[in-house]
Amino acid sequence: VLCDPAEAPRAGDIVLVRLPSNEHFLRVFRPRTAYIFDAVALNANYQALSSQDDGAVVVAVMVEHRRYRRSG
């Protein structure tokens, strides 16, 4: 996964978010206002994170995803 910290997130982007506890998560960016957003998990079994309630901060936006597979 390649993430760019200089990229501004847009609705639907996969973002790397950091919580105040220094935990990092990949989530889908869902803006609520210009300054408040939710970061929704791709897997419904995990809770969404919020900039307002959880103190989540966008660290970077995913710009590329590569999947390597071993042959044989």
PDB file of N, CA and C in Angstrom:
ATOM      1  N   VAL A   1       0.857  -1.172   0.000  1.00  0.00           N
ATOM      2  CA  VAL A   1       0.000   0.000   0.000  1.00  0.00           C
ATOM      3  C   VAL A   1       0.898   1.228   0.000  1.00  0.00           C
ATOM      4  N   LEU A   2       0.671   2.137  -0.928  1.00  0.00           N
ATOM      5  CA  LEU A   2       1.427   3.383  -0.976  1.00  0.00           C
ATOM      6  C   LEU A   2       0.502   4.532  -0.611  1.00  0.00           C
ATOM      7  N   CYS A   3       0.921   5.332   0.363  1.00  0.00           N
ATOM      8  CA  CYS A   3       0.111   6.459   0.823  1.00  0.00           C
ATOM      9  C   CYS A   3       0.909   7.749   0.664  1.00  0.00           C
ATOM     10  N   ASP A   4       0.215   8.826   0.328  1.00  0.00           N
ATOM     11  CA  ASP A   4       0.851  10.132   0.130  1.00  0.00           C
ATOM     12  C   ASP A   4       0.346  11.093   1.201  1.00  0.00           C
ATOM     13  N   PRO A   5       1.233  11.573   2.087  1.00  0.00           N
ATOM     14  CA  PRO A   5       0.803  12.497   3.138  1.00  0.00           C
ATOM     15  C   PRO A   5       0.467  13.897   2.611  1.00  0.00           C
ATOM     16  N   ALA A   6       0.891  14.221   1.394  1.00  0.00           N
ATOM     17  CA  ALA A   6       0.624  15.544   0.825  1.00  0.00           C
ATOM     18  C   ALA A   6      -0.712  15.603   0.085  1.00  0.00           C
ATOM     19  N   GLU A   7      -1.325  14.465  -0.148  1.00  0.00           N
ATOM     20  CA  GLU A   7      -2.583  14.397  -0.889  1.00  0.00           C
ATOM     21  C   GLU A   7      -3.755  14.780   0.019  1.00  0.00           C
ATOM     22  N   ALA A   8      -4.657  15.607  -0.476  1.00  0.00           N
ATOM     23  CA  ALA A   8      -5.856  15.991   0.281  1.00  0.00           C
ATOM     24  C   ALA A   8      -6.935  14.922   0.068  1.00  0.00           C
ATOM     25  N   PRO A   9      -7.556  14.442   1.141  1.00  0.00           N
ATOM     26  CA  PRO A   9      -8.573  13.393   0.988  1.00  0.00           C
ATOM     27  C   PRO A   9      -9.867  13.928   0.392  1.00  0.00           C
ATOM     28  N   ARG A  10     -10.499  13.068  -0.418  1.00  0.00           N
ATOM     29  CA  ARG A  10     -11.819  13.369  -0.987  1.00  0.00           C
ATOM     30  C   ARG A  10     -12.762  12.242  -0.594  1.00  0.00           C
ATOM     31  N   ALA A  11     -14.039  12.498  -0.654  1.00  0.00           N
ATOM     32  CA  ALA A  11     -15.043  11.495  -0.283  1.00  0.00           C
ATOM     33  C   ALA A  11     -14.798  10.202  -1.044  1.00  0.00           C
ATOM     34  N   GLY A  12     -14.751   9.094  -0.306  1.00  0.00           N
ATOM     35  CA  GLY A  12     -14.561   7.785  -0.913  1.00  0.00           C
ATOM     36  C   GLY A  12     -13.113   7.327  -0.984  1.00  0.00           C
ATOM     37  N   ASP A  13     -12.149   8.206  -0.719  1.00  0.00           N
ATOM     38  CA  ASP A  13     -10.740   7.826  -0.729  1.00  0.00           C
ATOM     39  C   ASP A  13     -10.434   6.905   0.446  1.00  0.00           C
ATOM     40  N   ILE A  14      -9.475   6.010   0.246  1.00  0.00           N
ATOM     41  CA  ILE A  14      -8.949   5.207   1.345  1.00  0.00           C
ATOM     42  C   ILE A  14      -7.869   6.060   2.014  1.00  0.00           C
ATOM     43  N   VAL A  15      -7.986   6.243   3.324  1.00  0.00           N
ATOM     44  CA  VAL A  15      -7.044   7.098   4.049  1.00  0.00           C
ATOM     45  C   VAL A  15      -6.417   6.332   5.210  1.00  0.00           C
ATOM     46  N   LEU A  16      -5.229   6.755   5.568  1.00  0.00           N
ATOM     47  CA  LEU A  16      -4.563   6.262   6.768  1.00  0.00           C
ATOM     48  C   LEU A  16      -4.874   7.260   7.865  1.00  0.00           C
ATOM     49  N   VAL A  17      -5.550   6.808   8.908  1.00  0.00           N
ATOM     50  CA  VAL A  17      -5.907   7.698  10.015  1.00  0.00           C
ATOM     51  C   VAL A  17      -5.144   7.292  11.275  1.00  0.00           C
ATOM     52  N   ARG A  18      -4.863   8.274  12.107  1.00  0.00           N
ATOM     53  CA  ARG A  18      -4.175   8.043  13.372  1.00  0.00           C
ATOM     54  C   ARG A  18      -5.079   8.517  14.509  1.00  0.00           C
ATOM     55  N   LEU A  19      -5.142   7.709  15.544  1.00  0.00           N
ATOM     56  CA  LEU A  19      -5.885   8.081  16.748  1.00  0.00           C
ATOM     57  C   LEU A  19      -4.914   8.687  17.752  1.00  0.00           C
ATOM     58  N   PRO A  20      -5.415   9.380  18.760  1.00  0.00           N
ATOM     59  CA  PRO A  20      -4.535   9.946  19.795  1.00  0.00           C
ATOM     60  C   PRO A  20      -3.666   8.892  20.498  1.00  0.00           C
ATOM     61  N   SER A  21      -4.076   7.639  20.479  1.00  0.00           N
ATOM     62  CA  SER A  21      -3.302   6.547  21.088  1.00  0.00           C
ATOM     63  C   SER A  21      -2.163   6.070  20.185  1.00  0.00           C
ATOM     64  N   ASN A  22      -1.982   6.738  19.039  1.00  0.00           N
ATOM     65  CA  ASN A  22      -0.974   6.399  18.022  1.00  0.00           C
ATOM     66  C   ASN A  22      -1.263   5.103  17.280  1.00  0.00           C
ATOM     67  N   GLU A  23      -2.488   4.617  17.329  1.00  0.00           N
ATOM     68  CA  GLU A  23      -2.897   3.485  16.502  1.00  0.00           C
ATOM     69  C   GLU A  23      -3.224   4.035  15.110  1.00  0.00           C
ATOM     70  N   HIS A  24      -2.930   3.253  14.071  1.00  0.00           N
ATOM     71  CA  HIS A  24      -3.193   3.656  12.697  1.00  0.00           C
ATOM     72  C   HIS A  24      -4.146   2.659  12.044  1.00  0.00           C
ATOM     73  N   PHE A  25      -5.040   3.180  11.201  1.00  0.00           N
ATOM     74  CA  PHE A  25      -6.028   2.351  10.520  1.00  0.00           C
ATOM     75  C   PHE A  25      -6.211   2.833   9.088  1.00  0.00           C
ATOM     76  N   LEU A  26      -6.499   1.907   8.175  1.00  0.00           N
ATOM     77  CA  LEU A  26      -6.923   2.278   6.823  1.00  0.00           C
ATOM     78  C   LEU A  26      -8.439   2.268   6.807  1.00  0.00           C
ATOM     79  N   ARG A  27      -9.019   3.362   6.364  1.00  0.00           N
ATOM     80  CA  ARG A  27     -10.473   3.513   6.348  1.00  0.00           C
ATOM     81  C   ARG A  27     -10.914   4.302   5.111  1.00  0.00           C
ATOM     82  N   VAL A  28     -12.214   4.285   4.844  1.00  0.00           N
ATOM     83  CA  VAL A  28     -12.800   5.070   3.754  1.00  0.00           C
ATOM     84  C   VAL A  28     -13.198   6.426   4.318  1.00  0.00           C
ATOM     85  N   PHE A  29     -12.755   7.481   3.656  1.00  0.00           N
ATOM     86  CA  PHE A  29     -13.004   8.861   4.099  1.00  0.00           C
ATOM     87  C   PHE A  29     -14.420   9.286   3.730  1.00  0.00           C
ATOM     88  N   ARG A  30     -15.195   9.711   4.727  1.00  0.00           N
ATOM     89  CA  ARG A  30     -16.567  10.199   4.530  1.00  0.00           C
ATOM     90  C   ARG A  30     -16.702  11.555   5.235  1.00  0.00           C
ATOM     91  N   PRO A  31     -16.582  12.664   4.499  1.00  0.00           N
ATOM     92  CA  PRO A  31     -16.694  13.976   5.151  1.00  0.00           C
ATOM     93  C   PRO A  31     -18.124  14.261   5.591  1.00  0.00           C
ATOM     94  N   ARG A  32     -18.252  14.861   6.770  1.00  0.00           N
ATOM     95  CA  ARG A  32     -19.568  15.320   7.250  1.00  0.00           C
ATOM     96  C   ARG A  32     -19.695  16.818   7.075  1.00  0.00           C
ATOM     97  N   THR A  33     -18.636  17.555   7.385  1.00  0.00           N
ATOM     98  CA  THR A  33     -18.562  19.001   7.153  1.00  0.00           C
ATOM     99  C   THR A  33     -17.163  19.278   6.604  1.00  0.00           C
ATOM    100  N   ALA A  34     -16.817  20.541   6.475  1.00  0.00           N
ATOM    101  CA  ALA A  34     -15.480  20.882   5.972  1.00  0.00           C
ATOM    102  C   ALA A  34     -14.382  20.456   6.944  1.00  0.00           C
ATOM    103  N   TYR A  35     -14.705  20.294   8.229  1.00  0.00           N
ATOM    104  CA  TYR A  35     -13.692  19.988   9.232  1.00  0.00           C
ATOM    105  C   TYR A  35     -13.919  18.682   9.997  1.00  0.00           C
ATOM    106  N   ILE A  36     -15.060  18.065   9.819  1.00  0.00           N
ATOM    107  CA  ILE A  36     -15.405  16.839  10.548  1.00  0.00           C
ATOM    108  C   ILE A  36     -15.628  15.714   9.543  1.00  0.00           C
ATOM    109  N   PHE A  37     -15.061  14.554   9.849  1.00  0.00           N
ATOM    110  CA  PHE A  37     -15.219  13.409   8.953  1.00  0.00           C
ATOM    111  C   PHE A  37     -15.388  12.124   9.744  1.00  0.00           C
ATOM    112  N   ASP A  38     -15.907  11.113   9.048  1.00  0.00           N
ATOM    113  CA  ASP A  38     -15.938   9.747   9.557  1.00  0.00           C
ATOM    114  C   ASP A  38     -14.971   8.938   8.708  1.00  0.00           C
ATOM    115  N   ALA A  39     -14.370   7.948   9.305  1.00  0.00           N
ATOM    116  CA  ALA A  39     -13.489   7.023   8.604  1.00  0.00           C
ATOM    117  C   ALA A  39     -14.115   5.642   8.765  1.00  0.00           C
ATOM    118  N   VAL A  40     -14.725   5.153   7.705  1.00  0.00           N
ATOM    119  CA  VAL A  40     -15.541   3.944   7.743  1.00  0.00           C
ATOM    120  C   VAL A  40     -14.704   2.736   7.330  1.00  0.00           C
ATOM    121  N   ALA A  41     -14.817   1.657   8.091  1.00  0.00           N
ATOM    122  CA  ALA A  41     -14.091   0.421   7.783  1.00  0.00           C
ATOM    123  C   ALA A  41     -14.710  -0.264   6.570  1.00  0.00           C
ATOM    124  N   LEU A  42     -13.874  -0.904   5.762  1.00  0.00           N
ATOM    125  CA  LEU A  42     -14.379  -1.676   4.622  1.00  0.00           C
ATOM    126  C   LEU A  42     -15.139  -2.906   5.098  1.00  0.00           C
ATOM    127  N   ASN A  43     -14.714  -3.473   6.210  1.00  0.00           N
ATOM    128  CA  ASN A  43     -15.356  -4.632   6.809  1.00  0.00           C
ATOM    129  C   ASN A  43     -16.374  -4.130   7.836  1.00  0.00           C
ATOM    130  N   ALA A  44     -17.625  -4.461   7.655  1.00  0.00           N
ATOM    131  CA  ALA A  44     -18.706  -3.983   8.527  1.00  0.00           C
ATOM    132  C   ALA A  44     -18.573  -4.465   9.973  1.00  0.00           C
ATOM    133  N   ASN A  45     -17.694  -5.438  10.237  1.00  0.00           N
ATOM    134  CA  ASN A  45     -17.497  -5.929  11.602  1.00  0.00           C
ATOM    135  C   ASN A  45     -16.670  -4.976  12.454  1.00  0.00           C
ATOM    136  N   TYR A  46     -16.081  -3.960  11.844  1.00  0.00           N
ATOM    137  CA  TYR A  46     -15.269  -2.979  12.564  1.00  0.00           C
ATOM    138  C   TYR A  46     -15.978  -1.639  12.603  1.00  0.00           C
ATOM    139  N   GLN A  47     -15.806  -0.916  13.669  1.00  0.00           N
ATOM    140  CA  GLN A  47     -16.510   0.355  13.838  1.00  0.00           C
ATOM    141  C   GLN A  47     -15.873   1.470  13.037  1.00  0.00           C
ATOM    142  N   ALA A  48     -16.682   2.453  12.707  1.00  0.00           N
ATOM    143  CA  ALA A  48     -16.184   3.660  12.047  1.00  0.00           C
ATOM    144  C   ALA A  48     -15.471   4.522  13.087  1.00  0.00           C
ATOM    145  N   LEU A  49     -14.541   5.313  12.611  1.00  0.00           N
ATOM    146  CA  LEU A  49     -13.841   6.265  13.471  1.00  0.00           C
ATOM    147  C   LEU A  49     -14.283   7.662  13.089  1.00  0.00           C
ATOM    148  N   SER A  50     -14.245   8.590  14.021  1.00  0.00           N
ATOM    149  CA  SER A  50     -14.702   9.947  13.777  1.00  0.00           C
ATOM    150  C   SER A  50     -13.644  10.950  14.223  1.00  0.00           C
ATOM    151  N   SER A  51     -13.490  12.000  13.444  1.00  0.00           N
ATOM    152  CA  SER A  51     -12.566  13.058  13.849  1.00  0.00           C
ATOM    153  C   SER A  51     -13.103  13.782  15.075  1.00  0.00           C
ATOM    154  N   GLN A  52     -14.408  13.873  15.165  1.00  0.00           N
ATOM    155  CA  GLN A  52     -15.032  14.597  16.277  1.00  0.00           C
ATOM    156  C   GLN A  52     -15.059  13.759  17.559  1.00  0.00           C
ATOM    157  N   ASP A  53     -15.490  12.518  17.468  1.00  0.00           N
ATOM    158  CA  ASP A  53     -15.670  11.687  18.661  1.00  0.00           C
ATOM    159  C   ASP A  53     -14.406  10.938  19.083  1.00  0.00           C
ATOM    160  N   ASP A  54     -13.617  10.491  18.116  1.00  0.00           N
ATOM    161  CA  ASP A  54     -12.454   9.659  18.406  1.00  0.00           C
ATOM    162  C   ASP A  54     -11.132  10.407  18.281  1.00  0.00           C
ATOM    163  N   GLY A  55     -11.161  11.623  17.767  1.00  0.00           N
ATOM    164  CA  GLY A  55      -9.931  12.391  17.581  1.00  0.00           C
ATOM    165  C   GLY A  55      -9.083  11.898  16.422  1.00  0.00           C
ATOM    166  N   ALA A  56      -9.713  11.210  15.461  1.00  0.00           N
ATOM    167  CA  ALA A  56      -8.990  10.679  14.305  1.00  0.00           C
ATOM    168  C   ALA A  56      -8.452  11.819  13.444  1.00  0.00           C
ATOM    169  N   VAL A  57      -7.246  11.609  12.920  1.00  0.00           N
ATOM    170  CA  VAL A  57      -6.586  12.582  12.053  1.00  0.00           C
ATOM    171  C   VAL A  57      -6.125  11.853  10.800  1.00  0.00           C
ATOM    172  N   VAL A  58      -6.381  12.429   9.626  1.00  0.00           N
ATOM    173  CA  VAL A  58      -5.903  11.829   8.382  1.00  0.00           C
ATOM    174  C   VAL A  58      -4.403  12.078   8.273  1.00  0.00           C
ATOM    175  N   VAL A  59      -3.640  11.004   8.144  1.00  0.00           N
ATOM    176  CA  VAL A  59      -2.186  11.077   8.028  1.00  0.00           C
ATOM    177  C   VAL A  59      -1.766  11.084   6.559  1.00  0.00           C
ATOM    178  N   ALA A  60      -2.474  10.289   5.733  1.00  0.00           N
ATOM    179  CA  ALA A  60      -2.118  10.167   4.318  1.00  0.00           C
ATOM    180  C   ALA A  60      -3.291   9.566   3.551  1.00  0.00           C
ATOM    181  N   VAL A  61      -3.233   9.728   2.237  1.00  0.00           N
ATOM    182  CA  VAL A  61      -4.248   9.172   1.341  1.00  0.00           C
ATOM    183  C   VAL A  61      -3.597   8.055   0.530  1.00  0.00           C
ATOM    184  N   MET A  62      -4.284   6.920   0.425  1.00  0.00           N
ATOM    185  CA  MET A  62      -3.755   5.819  -0.370  1.00  0.00           C
ATOM    186  C   MET A  62      -3.764   6.204  -1.844  1.00  0.00           C
ATOM    187  N   VAL A  63      -2.617   6.059  -2.493  1.00  0.00           N
ATOM    188  CA  VAL A  63      -2.517   6.407  -3.909  1.00  0.00           C
ATOM    189  C   VAL A  63      -2.284   5.184  -4.786  1.00  0.00           C
ATOM    190  N   GLU A  64      -1.872   4.077  -4.165  1.00  0.00           N
ATOM    191  CA  GLU A  64      -1.635   2.873  -4.948  1.00  0.00           C
ATOM    192  C   GLU A  64      -1.701   1.657  -4.046  1.00  0.00           C
ATOM    193  N   HIS A  65      -2.209   0.571  -4.619  1.00  0.00           N
ATOM    194  CA  HIS A  65      -2.270  -0.700  -3.904  1.00  0.00           C
ATOM    195  C   HIS A  65      -1.746  -1.775  -4.839  1.00  0.00           C
ATOM    196  N   ARG A  66      -0.760  -2.501  -4.388  1.00  0.00           N
ATOM    197  CA  ARG A  66      -0.194  -3.577  -5.195  1.00  0.00           C
ATOM    198  C   ARG A  66      -0.424  -4.894  -4.485  1.00  0.00           C
ATOM    199  N   ARG A  67      -0.700  -5.889  -5.283  1.00  0.00           N
ATOM    200  CA  ARG A  67      -0.883  -7.228  -4.711  1.00  0.00           C
ATOM    201  C   ARG A  67       0.142  -8.153  -5.339  1.00  0.00           C
ATOM    202  N   TYR A  68       1.056  -8.621  -4.534  1.00  0.00           N
ATOM    203  CA  TYR A  68       2.080  -9.543  -5.003  1.00  0.00           C
ATOM    204  C   TYR A  68       1.647 -10.963  -4.718  1.00  0.00           C
ATOM    205  N   ARG A  69       1.841 -11.807  -5.690  1.00  0.00           N
ATOM    206  CA  ARG A  69       1.494 -13.212  -5.503  1.00  0.00           C
ATOM    207  C   ARG A  69       2.704 -14.067  -5.818  1.00  0.00           C
ATOM    208  N   ARG A  70       2.865 -15.086  -5.031  1.00  0.00           N
ATOM    209  CA  ARG A  70       3.958 -16.024  -5.285  1.00  0.00           C
ATOM    210  C   ARG A  70       3.516 -17.013  -6.358  1.00  0.00           C
ATOM    211  N   SER A  71       4.413 -17.341  -7.248  1.00  0.00           N
ATOM    212  CA  SER A  71       4.080 -18.331  -8.270  1.00  0.00           C
ATOM    213  C   SER A  71       4.414 -19.718  -7.743  1.00  0.00           C
ATOM    214  N   GLY A  72       3.562 -20.644  -8.086  1.00  0.00           N
ATOM    215  CA  GLY A  72       3.821 -22.046  -7.737  1.00  0.00           C
ATOM    216  C   GLY A  72       3.360 -22.405  -6.445  1.00  0.00           C
TER     217      GLY A  72
END
